[in-house]
Amino acid sequence: MAPSMTRRALMLSSAGMTLALAAGFSRPAQSRDTIGPDEFKALSARLTGAEPGDLDSDAAATILKGLTSIGRGPGLVMLTENPNVSAGTVAEDIVAAWYSGVCDTDRGEVLATFTGALVWNALDYTKPFGSCGGETGYWADPPQS
């Protein structure tokens, strides 16, 4: 025999549902788990000050995959949908990954890019190792400002 609902329980549950709906506590819309590569590049450009076209697509995919693997997907969605919100750690992780070229993953750190790391843009007096800076002896002259 199925338990019967009392009139009191029915009235209380109906009143509670009515109040919840009136207060705007309806069922939440489906939210995304993470963002796509193009959204990530746009978000990265906004946070780092770089142009989206200057950010390497392979590095972006590696960084996005790493951040998603350590549970940063919802924070990425929040930063994308609400540009004025401060997401703290997530935003710092994005900037650190692009400037260092290294990102955290669920399996440890991975190299996303070396020559494409933004640190080389910030340090205009040096270049990535193994990259030619000019003709022989170019280093003898002081950097131009």
Protein backbone atom coordinates (compact mmCIF):
# COMPACT_ATOMS: atom_id res chain seq x y z
CA MET A 1 0.00 0.00 0.00
CA ALA A 2 1.45 3.36 -1.05
CA PRO A 3 1.72 6.02 1.63
CA SER A 4 -0.96 8.67 1.31
CA MET A 5 -0.22 12.37 1.36
CA THR A 6 -2.08 14.34 3.96
CA ARG A 7 -3.95 17.47 3.08
CA ARG A 8 -1.56 19.47 5.28
CA ALA A 9 1.52 18.12 3.46
CA LEU A 10 -0.05 18.89 0.09
CA MET A 11 -0.89 22.46 1.12
CA LEU A 12 2.61 23.07 2.52
CA SER A 13 4.38 21.69 -0.53
CA SER A 14 2.11 23.69 -2.88
CA ALA A 15 2.71 26.87 -0.91
CA GLY A 16 6.45 26.25 -0.88
CA MET A 17 6.58 25.68 -4.63
CA THR A 18 4.51 28.81 -5.28
CA LEU A 19 6.81 30.92 -3.12
CA ALA A 20 9.92 29.49 -4.75
CA LEU A 21 8.60 30.23 -8.24
CA ALA A 22 7.53 33.73 -7.23
CA ALA A 23 10.97 34.42 -5.79
CA GLY A 24 12.64 33.32 -9.01
CA PHE A 25 13.95 29.98 -7.83
CA SER A 26 12.85 28.11 -10.88
CA ARG A 27 14.92 25.28 -12.26
CA PRO A 28 18.32 26.63 -13.35
CA ALA A 29 19.19 26.61 -17.02
CA GLN A 30 21.73 24.07 -18.20
CA SER A 31 25.21 25.49 -17.83
CA ARG A 32 28.28 24.57 -19.82
CA ASP A 33 31.21 22.69 -18.34
CA THR A 34 33.86 24.65 -20.21
CA ILE A 35 34.45 26.91 -23.21
CA GLY A 36 35.64 26.29 -26.75
CA PRO A 37 39.08 27.06 -28.23
CA ASP A 38 38.02 30.30 -29.92
CA GLU A 39 36.37 31.57 -26.75
CA PHE A 40 39.50 30.62 -24.82
CA LYS A 41 41.75 32.56 -27.19
CA ALA A 42 39.49 35.62 -26.90
CA LEU A 43 39.44 35.33 -23.11
CA SER A 44 43.22 34.86 -23.02
CA ALA A 45 43.73 37.92 -25.21
CA ARG A 46 41.52 40.00 -22.92
CA LEU A 47 43.37 38.87 -19.79
CA THR A 48 46.91 39.12 -21.18
CA GLY A 49 46.52 42.17 -23.41
CA ALA A 50 47.74 40.20 -26.44
CA GLU A 51 45.99 40.14 -29.78
CA PRO A 52 44.00 36.91 -30.34
CA GLY A 53 45.88 36.34 -33.60
CA ASP A 54 49.20 36.49 -31.74
CA LEU A 55 48.26 33.55 -29.52
CA ASP A 56 49.25 30.15 -30.88
CA SER A 57 46.23 27.88 -31.47
CA ASP A 58 48.09 24.69 -30.46
CA ALA A 59 49.27 26.32 -27.23
CA ALA A 60 45.74 27.57 -26.56
CA ALA A 61 44.36 24.05 -27.01
CA THR A 62 46.99 22.61 -24.64
CA ILE A 63 46.35 25.26 -21.98
CA LEU A 64 42.57 24.90 -22.28
CA LYS A 65 42.79 21.12 -21.99
CA GLY A 66 45.07 21.43 -18.95
CA LEU A 67 42.85 23.94 -17.17
CA THR A 68 39.77 21.85 -17.87
CA SER A 69 41.51 18.71 -16.54
CA ILE A 70 42.15 20.38 -13.17
CA GLY A 71 38.56 21.56 -12.79
CA ARG A 72 38.83 25.13 -14.04
CA GLY A 73 36.12 24.69 -16.73
CA PRO A 74 33.29 26.36 -14.75
CA GLY A 75 35.57 29.30 -13.92
CA LEU A 76 36.41 29.69 -17.61
CA VAL A 77 32.69 29.79 -18.43
CA MET A 78 32.11 32.36 -15.69
CA LEU A 79 34.94 34.59 -16.96
CA THR A 80 33.65 34.34 -20.54
CA GLU A 81 30.02 35.06 -19.72
CA ASN A 82 30.69 37.75 -17.10
CA PRO A 83 33.75 39.81 -18.14
CA ASN A 84 33.50 42.08 -15.08
CA VAL A 85 33.64 39.25 -12.55
CA SER A 86 36.89 38.55 -10.75
CA ALA A 87 37.68 34.86 -11.04
CA GLY A 88 40.95 35.09 -9.14
CA THR A 89 42.79 31.80 -9.49
CA VAL A 90 41.38 30.93 -12.91
CA ALA A 91 42.40 34.27 -14.43
CA GLU A 92 45.82 34.03 -12.77
CA ASP A 93 46.28 30.49 -14.12
CA ILE A 94 45.52 31.67 -17.65
CA VAL A 95 47.93 34.59 -17.52
CA ALA A 96 50.67 32.51 -15.87
CA ALA A 97 50.32 29.78 -18.50
CA TRP A 98 50.59 32.20 -21.41
CA TYR A 99 53.54 34.12 -19.98
CA SER A 100 55.51 31.07 -18.85
CA GLY A 101 54.40 28.70 -21.61
CA VAL A 102 53.77 26.02 -18.95
CA CYS A 103 50.38 24.93 -17.64
CA ASP A 104 49.14 22.63 -14.90
CA THR A 105 47.21 19.50 -15.79
CA ASP A 106 45.81 16.60 -13.81
CA ARG A 107 49.07 14.77 -14.61
CA GLY A 108 51.46 17.59 -13.68
CA GLU A 109 52.94 20.48 -15.61
CA VAL A 110 53.18 20.41 -19.40
CA LEU A 111 54.92 22.68 -21.86
CA ALA A 112 52.34 24.44 -24.02
CA THR A 113 54.77 26.69 -25.87
CA PHE A 114 58.31 27.93 -25.48
CA THR A 115 58.99 30.45 -28.21
CA GLY A 116 55.34 31.57 -28.10
CA ALA A 117 55.41 32.34 -24.37
CA LEU A 118 54.45 35.97 -23.78
CA VAL A 119 57.42 36.48 -21.48
CA TRP A 120 59.53 37.03 -24.59
CA ASN A 121 57.34 40.00 -25.56
CA ALA A 122 57.66 41.46 -22.07
CA LEU A 123 61.46 41.06 -22.06
CA ASP A 124 62.38 42.97 -25.18
CA TYR A 125 66.09 42.79 -24.33
CA THR A 126 66.25 39.02 -24.77
CA LYS A 127 64.83 36.28 -26.97
CA PRO A 128 64.04 32.57 -26.73
CA PHE A 129 67.12 30.35 -26.63
CA GLY A 130 68.11 29.12 -30.05
CA SER A 131 66.44 32.03 -31.84
CA CYS A 132 68.73 34.16 -33.94
CA GLY A 133 68.71 37.80 -32.87
CA GLY A 134 70.45 39.19 -35.93
CA GLU A 135 73.81 39.25 -37.64
CA THR A 136 76.97 38.19 -35.83
CA GLY A 137 77.84 40.75 -33.16
CA TYR A 138 74.33 42.22 -32.92
CA TRP A 139 74.54 41.90 -29.13
CA ALA A 140 77.45 44.37 -28.93
CA ASP A 141 75.10 47.35 -29.35
CA PRO A 142 72.86 48.42 -26.45
CA PRO A 143 69.14 47.74 -26.87
CA GLN A 144 67.15 50.50 -28.49
CA SER A 145 64.28 51.95 -26.46
